């Protein structure tokens, strides 16, 4: 502790007000949520791509084995397995984002109680949560809609 104080680091930490510390924590929580959203979308896109190629491989194998007539799409029960995996991953990322949002809201309420500068406190709304869920669950929804309205046939 004495070394920190002699370097001036400890005095810098102690010089910050509660409000400054809370605002920094809010910024960090906001940044974490944004990065989590970026990783979630990247992961879901990668998973969707992998599932597409896995499905084409399964269709090809089934055609070679005579289990599926040439030009027929993958049966629904097998197709929905990939959609289920997408939905589970979207659910996991939704839960993680909810937890990060809960942390942000915690600091939001702390800031309201400790706002000595009079600067406006950024508002929180439920719209952000709804948009995040819509973003994540768009992938499994599009997976089903594409299968329903656009039949991708593998004719190898």
C-alpha atoms as a PDB file:
ATOM      1  CA  UNK A   1       0.000   0.000   0.000  1.00  0.00           C
ATOM      2  CA  UNK A   2       2.840   2.369   0.821  1.00  0.00           C
ATOM      3  CA  UNK A   3       4.342   1.765  -2.624  1.00  0.00           C
ATOM      4  CA  UNK A   4       1.060   2.589  -4.322  1.00  0.00           C
ATOM      5  CA  UNK A   5       0.741   5.779  -2.285  1.00  0.00           C
ATOM      6  CA  UNK A   6       4.326   6.823  -3.003  1.00  0.00           C
ATOM      7  CA  UNK A   7       3.784   6.286  -6.740  1.00  0.00           C
ATOM      8  CA  UNK A   8       0.720   8.465  -6.665  1.00  0.00           C
ATOM      9  CA  UNK A   9      -1.529   5.633  -7.829  1.00  0.00           C
ATOM     10  CA  UNK A  10      -3.404   5.252  -4.568  1.00  0.00           C
ATOM     11  CA  UNK A  11      -4.036   8.966  -4.255  1.00  0.00           C
ATOM     12  CA  UNK A  12      -5.428   8.995  -7.828  1.00  0.00           C
ATOM     13  CA  UNK A  13      -7.832   6.183  -6.968  1.00  0.00           C
ATOM     14  CA  UNK A  14      -8.927   7.893  -3.782  1.00  0.00           C
ATOM     15  CA  UNK A  15      -9.418  11.203  -5.604  1.00  0.00           C
ATOM     16  CA  UNK A  16     -12.301   9.771  -7.664  1.00  0.00           C
ATOM     17  CA  UNK A  17     -15.772  10.371  -6.375  1.00  0.00           C
ATOM     18  CA  UNK A  18     -18.360   7.628  -6.030  1.00  0.00           C
ATOM     19  CA  UNK A  19     -20.152   9.070  -9.016  1.00  0.00           C
ATOM     20  CA  UNK A  20     -17.066   8.859 -11.246  1.00  0.00           C
ATOM     21  CA  UNK A  21     -16.433   5.257 -10.239  1.00  0.00           C
ATOM     22  CA  UNK A  22     -20.072   4.317 -10.871  1.00  0.00           C
ATOM     23  CA  UNK A  23     -20.062   6.035 -14.277  1.00  0.00           C
ATOM     24  CA  UNK A  24     -16.894   4.122 -15.223  1.00  0.00           C
ATOM     25  CA  UNK A  25     -18.509   0.862 -14.163  1.00  0.00           C
ATOM     26  CA  UNK A  26     -21.590   1.696 -16.245  1.00  0.00           C
ATOM     27  CA  UNK A  27     -19.379   2.354 -19.269  1.00  0.00           C
ATOM     28  CA  UNK A  28     -17.571  -0.931 -18.704  1.00  0.00           C
ATOM     29  CA  UNK A  29     -20.858  -2.840 -18.385  1.00  0.00           C
ATOM     30  CA  UNK A  30     -22.180  -1.185 -21.542  1.00  0.00           C
ATOM     31  CA  UNK A  31     -18.998  -2.054 -23.420  1.00  0.00           C
ATOM     32  CA  UNK A  32     -19.225  -5.651 -22.191  1.00  0.00           C
ATOM     33  CA  UNK A  33     -22.824  -5.940 -23.453  1.00  0.00           C
ATOM     34  CA  UNK A  34     -21.869  -4.580 -26.864  1.00  0.00           C
ATOM     35  CA  UNK A  35     -18.970  -7.034 -27.188  1.00  0.00           C
ATOM     36  CA  UNK A  36     -21.217  -9.860 -26.025  1.00  0.00           C
ATOM     37  CA  UNK A  37     -23.738  -8.964 -28.746  1.00  0.00           C
ATOM     38  CA  UNK A  38     -20.987  -8.911 -31.355  1.00  0.00           C
ATOM     39  CA  UNK A  39     -19.718 -12.326 -30.266  1.00  0.00           C
ATOM     40  CA  UNK A  40     -23.239 -13.729 -30.162  1.00  0.00           C
ATOM     41  CA  UNK A  41     -24.023 -12.666 -33.727  1.00  0.00           C
ATOM     42  CA  UNK A  42     -20.645 -13.901 -34.964  1.00  0.00           C
ATOM     43  CA  UNK A  43     -21.144 -17.248 -33.239  1.00  0.00           C
ATOM     44  CA  UNK A  44     -24.690 -17.656 -34.556  1.00  0.00           C
ATOM     45  CA  UNK A  45     -23.582 -16.834 -38.122  1.00  0.00           C
ATOM     46  CA  UNK A  46     -20.733 -19.339 -37.884  1.00  0.00           C
ATOM     47  CA  UNK A  47     -23.014 -21.980 -36.408  1.00  0.00           C
ATOM     48  CA  UNK A  48     -25.638 -21.378 -39.100  1.00  0.00           C
ATOM     49  CA  UNK A  49     -22.966 -21.835 -41.776  1.00  0.00           C
ATOM     50  CA  UNK A  50     -21.660 -25.035 -40.171  1.00  0.00           C
ATOM     51  CA  UNK A  51     -25.192 -26.425 -39.886  1.00  0.00           C
ATOM     52  CA  UNK A  52     -25.823 -25.691 -43.578  1.00  0.00           C
ATOM     53  CA  UNK A  53     -22.765 -27.694 -44.639  1.00  0.00           C
ATOM     54  CA  UNK A  54     -23.571 -30.472 -42.171  1.00  0.00           C
ATOM     55  CA  UNK A  55     -27.082 -30.720 -43.578  1.00  0.00           C
ATOM     56  CA  UNK A  56     -25.786 -30.889 -47.149  1.00  0.00           C
ATOM     57  CA  UNK A  57     -23.388 -33.649 -46.111  1.00  0.00           C
ATOM     58  CA  UNK A  58     -26.199 -35.605 -44.437  1.00  0.00           C
ATOM     59  CA  UNK A  59     -28.419 -35.245 -47.523  1.00  0.00           C
ATOM     60  CA  UNK A  60     -25.570 -36.427 -49.750  1.00  0.00           C
ATOM     61  CA  UNK A  61     -24.912 -39.439 -47.515  1.00  0.00           C
ATOM     62  CA  UNK A  62     -28.616 -40.305 -47.390  1.00  0.00           C
ATOM     63  CA  UNK A  63     -28.872 -40.122 -51.206  1.00  0.00           C
ATOM     64  CA  UNK A  64     -25.830 -42.366 -51.643  1.00  0.00           C
ATOM     65  CA  UNK A  65     -27.302 -44.898 -49.193  1.00  0.00           C
ATOM     66  CA  UNK A  66     -30.702 -44.776 -50.931  1.00  0.00           C
ATOM     67  CA  UNK A  67     -32.453 -43.412 -47.845  1.00  0.00           C
ATOM     68  CA  UNK A  68     -33.519 -40.232 -49.625  1.00  0.00           C
ATOM     69  CA  UNK A  69     -34.608 -39.867 -53.277  1.00  0.00           C
ATOM     70  CA  UNK A  70     -32.440 -37.583 -55.391  1.00  0.00           C
ATOM     71  CA  UNK A  71     -33.569 -33.948 -55.273  1.00  0.00           C
ATOM     72  CA  UNK A  72     -35.548 -34.306 -52.030  1.00  0.00           C
ATOM     73  CA  UNK A  73     -34.836 -31.950 -49.137  1.00  0.00           C
ATOM     74  CA  UNK A  74     -33.689 -33.110 -45.721  1.00  0.00           C
ATOM     75  CA  UNK A  75     -36.622 -34.495 -43.683  1.00  0.00           C
ATOM     76  CA  UNK A  76     -38.116 -32.044 -41.182  1.00  0.00           C
ATOM     77  CA  UNK A  77     -37.206 -34.068 -38.086  1.00  0.00           C
ATOM     78  CA  UNK A  78     -33.530 -34.002 -39.047  1.00  0.00           C
ATOM     79  CA  UNK A  79     -33.678 -30.390 -40.193  1.00  0.00           C
ATOM     80  CA  UNK A  80     -35.149 -29.193 -36.896  1.00  0.00           C
ATOM     81  CA  UNK A  81     -32.195 -30.611 -34.943  1.00  0.00           C
ATOM     82  CA  UNK A  82     -30.006 -27.842 -36.345  1.00  0.00           C
ATOM     83  CA  UNK A  83     -32.703 -25.254 -35.649  1.00  0.00           C
ATOM     84  CA  UNK A  84     -32.930 -26.499 -32.063  1.00  0.00           C
ATOM     85  CA  UNK A  85     -29.168 -26.075 -31.624  1.00  0.00           C
ATOM     86  CA  UNK A  86     -29.408 -22.516 -32.961  1.00  0.00           C
ATOM     87  CA  UNK A  87     -32.260 -21.771 -30.533  1.00  0.00           C
ATOM     88  CA  UNK A  88     -30.298 -23.168 -27.564  1.00  0.00           C
ATOM     89  CA  UNK A  89     -27.239 -21.063 -28.420  1.00  0.00           C
ATOM     90  CA  UNK A  90     -29.460 -17.991 -28.900  1.00  0.00           C
ATOM     91  CA  UNK A  91     -31.009 -18.704 -25.494  1.00  0.00           C
ATOM     92  CA  UNK A  92     -27.599 -18.986 -23.837  1.00  0.00           C
ATOM     93  CA  UNK A  93     -26.465 -15.679 -25.312  1.00  0.00           C
ATOM     94  CA  UNK A  94     -29.784 -14.090 -24.297  1.00  0.00           C
ATOM     95  CA  UNK A  95     -29.266 -15.196 -20.687  1.00  0.00           C
ATOM     96  CA  UNK A  96     -25.710 -13.875 -20.694  1.00  0.00           C
ATOM     97  CA  UNK A  97     -26.888 -10.551 -22.112  1.00  0.00           C
ATOM     98  CA  UNK A  98     -29.648 -10.353 -19.487  1.00  0.00           C
ATOM     99  CA  UNK A  99     -27.066 -10.830 -16.750  1.00  0.00           C
ATOM    100  CA  UNK A 100     -24.864  -8.099 -18.217  1.00  0.00           C
ATOM    101  CA  UNK A 101     -27.919  -5.827 -18.454  1.00  0.00           C
ATOM    102  CA  UNK A 102     -28.766  -6.559 -14.844  1.00  0.00           C
ATOM    103  CA  UNK A 103     -25.285  -5.415 -13.860  1.00  0.00           C
ATOM    104  CA  UNK A 104     -25.722  -2.219 -15.900  1.00  0.00           C
ATOM    105  CA  UNK A 105     -29.097  -1.496 -14.274  1.00  0.00           C
ATOM    106  CA  UNK A 106     -27.548  -2.053 -10.842  1.00  0.00           C
ATOM    107  CA  UNK A 107     -25.005   0.692 -11.537  1.00  0.00           C
ATOM    108  CA  UNK A 108     -27.750   2.821 -13.071  1.00  0.00           C
ATOM    109  CA  UNK A 109     -29.697   2.824  -9.805  1.00  0.00           C
ATOM    110  CA  UNK A 110     -26.514   3.444  -7.819  1.00  0.00           C
ATOM    111  CA  UNK A 111     -25.793   6.451  -9.999  1.00  0.00           C
ATOM    112  CA  UNK A 112     -29.275   7.855  -9.466  1.00  0.00           C
ATOM    113  CA  UNK A 113     -28.666   7.677  -5.708  1.00  0.00           C
ATOM    114  CA  UNK A 114     -25.153   9.182  -5.971  1.00  0.00           C
ATOM    115  CA  UNK A 115     -25.583  11.777  -8.726  1.00  0.00           C
ATOM    116  CA  UNK A 116     -23.899  14.791  -7.187  1.00  0.00           C
ATOM    117  CA  UNK A 117     -22.838  16.492 -10.413  1.00  0.00           C
ATOM    118  CA  UNK A 118     -26.365  16.916 -11.712  1.00  0.00           C
ATOM    119  CA  UNK A 119     -25.448  15.370 -15.072  1.00  0.00           C
ATOM    120  CA  UNK A 120     -28.314  13.405 -16.584  1.00  0.00           C
ATOM    121  CA  UNK A 121     -28.338   9.676 -15.894  1.00  0.00           C
ATOM    122  CA  UNK A 122     -28.682   7.599 -19.096  1.00  0.00           C
ATOM    123  CA  UNK A 123     -32.155   6.036 -19.160  1.00  0.00           C
ATOM    124  CA  UNK A 124     -32.795   2.314 -19.307  1.00  0.00           C
ATOM    125  CA  UNK A 125     -35.719   0.851 -21.250  1.00  0.00           C
ATOM    126  CA  UNK A 126     -37.111  -2.569 -22.018  1.00  0.00           C
ATOM    127  CA  UNK A 127     -36.768  -1.868 -25.735  1.00  0.00           C
ATOM    128  CA  UNK A 128     -33.081  -2.859 -25.668  1.00  0.00           C
ATOM    129  CA  UNK A 129     -33.894  -6.264 -24.190  1.00  0.00           C
ATOM    130  CA  UNK A 130     -36.606  -6.869 -26.760  1.00  0.00           C
ATOM    131  CA  UNK A 131     -34.269  -5.934 -29.612  1.00  0.00           C
ATOM    132  CA  UNK A 132     -31.519  -8.219 -28.289  1.00  0.00           C
ATOM    133  CA  UNK A 133     -33.913 -11.173 -28.100  1.00  0.00           C
ATOM    134  CA  UNK A 134     -35.189 -10.365 -31.577  1.00  0.00           C
ATOM    135  CA  UNK A 135     -31.615 -10.204 -32.874  1.00  0.00           C
ATOM    136  CA  UNK A 136     -30.552 -13.532 -31.347  1.00  0.00           C
ATOM    137  CA  UNK A 137     -33.713 -15.491 -32.110  1.00  0.00           C
ATOM    138  CA  UNK A 138     -33.836 -14.207 -35.690  1.00  0.00           C
ATOM    139  CA  UNK A 139     -31.342 -16.931 -36.597  1.00  0.00           C
ATOM    140  CA  UNK A 140     -33.474 -19.964 -35.634  1.00  0.00           C
ATOM    141  CA  UNK A 141     -36.582 -18.213 -36.963  1.00  0.00           C
ATOM    142  CA  UNK A 142     -34.954 -17.518 -40.333  1.00  0.00           C
ATOM    143  CA  UNK A 143     -33.716 -21.105 -40.398  1.00  0.00           C
ATOM    144  CA  UNK A 144     -37.296 -22.371 -40.240  1.00  0.00           C
ATOM    145  CA  UNK A 145     -38.656 -19.722 -42.627  1.00  0.00           C
ATOM    146  CA  UNK A 146     -35.988 -20.501 -45.218  1.00  0.00           C
ATOM    147  CA  UNK A 147     -36.811 -24.204 -45.034  1.00  0.00           C
ATOM    148  CA  UNK A 148     -40.521 -23.472 -45.292  1.00  0.00           C
ATOM    149  CA  UNK A 149     -40.481 -21.041 -48.211  1.00  0.00           C
ATOM    150  CA  UNK A 150     -37.223 -21.810 -50.027  1.00  0.00           C
ATOM    151  CA  UNK A 151     -36.419 -25.450 -50.546  1.00  0.00           C
ATOM    152  CA  UNK A 152     -32.717 -25.976 -50.907  1.00  0.00           C
ATOM    153  CA  UNK A 153     -32.254 -29.188 -52.838  1.00  0.00           C
ATOM    154  CA  UNK A 154     -28.948 -30.962 -53.017  1.00  0.00           C
ATOM    155  CA  UNK A 155     -28.667 -32.904 -56.253  1.00  0.00           C
ATOM    156  CA  UNK A 156     -25.176 -34.339 -56.145  1.00  0.00           C
END
